Amino acid sequence: MLTPKVGHMAMSASTGSITVTDTPEELAKVGAYALSYSAHKTLFSAF
């Protein structure tokens, strides 16, 4: 998903955050995935 030698990801356990840097096109894909994952997780957390 990340562009080789361009895209980077960093995770912080203390804040629960993920930081992604990449091209605008790849960031759009990462953002869409994150929203989809969040919606799926929220949906199944309700049960």
Protein backbone atom coordinates (compact mmCIF):
# COMPACT_ATOMS: atom_id res chain seq x y z
CA MET A 1 0.00 0.00 0.00
CA LEU A 2 2.89 2.40 0.66
CA THR A 3 5.10 3.62 -2.16
CA PRO A 4 8.54 1.93 -1.97
CA LYS A 5 11.29 4.30 -0.78
CA VAL A 6 8.73 7.15 -0.46
CA GLY A 7 5.99 6.10 1.95
CA HIS A 8 6.57 5.72 5.68
CA MET A 9 4.47 4.67 8.63
CA ALA A 10 5.05 5.21 12.35
CA MET A 11 2.99 3.79 15.21
CA SER A 12 2.76 5.14 18.74
CA ALA A 13 1.55 2.74 21.38
CA SER A 14 1.38 5.48 24.00
CA THR A 15 -1.08 7.59 21.97
CA GLY A 16 -2.68 4.83 19.91
CA SER A 17 -1.93 6.71 16.71
CA ILE A 18 -0.50 5.84 13.33
CA THR A 19 1.24 8.46 11.18
CA VAL A 20 1.55 7.84 7.43
CA THR A 21 3.47 9.90 4.87
CA ASP A 22 3.30 9.14 1.15
CA THR A 23 1.99 10.49 -2.14
CA PRO A 24 -1.48 12.03 -2.16
CA GLU A 25 -2.83 9.07 -4.14
CA GLU A 26 -1.56 6.51 -1.64
CA LEU A 27 -2.70 8.59 1.33
CA ALA A 28 -6.21 8.56 -0.15
CA LYS A 29 -6.08 4.74 -0.28
CA VAL A 30 -4.80 4.52 3.30
CA GLY A 31 -7.52 6.93 4.45
CA ALA A 32 -10.24 4.92 2.72
CA TYR A 33 -8.95 1.72 4.33
CA ALA A 34 -8.83 3.34 7.77
CA LEU A 35 -12.41 4.59 7.45
CA SER A 36 -13.59 1.20 6.26
CA TYR A 37 -11.79 -0.57 9.12
CA SER A 38 -13.16 1.90 11.67
CA ALA A 39 -16.72 1.49 10.41
CA HIS A 40 -16.42 -2.30 10.43
CA LYS A 41 -14.94 -2.32 13.94
CA THR A 42 -17.65 0.04 15.22
CA LEU A 43 -20.40 -2.04 13.64
CA PHE A 44 -19.25 -5.27 15.27
CA SER A 45 -18.42 -3.64 18.60
CA ALA A 46 -22.13 -2.89 18.99
CA PHE A 47 -22.98 -6.59 19.28
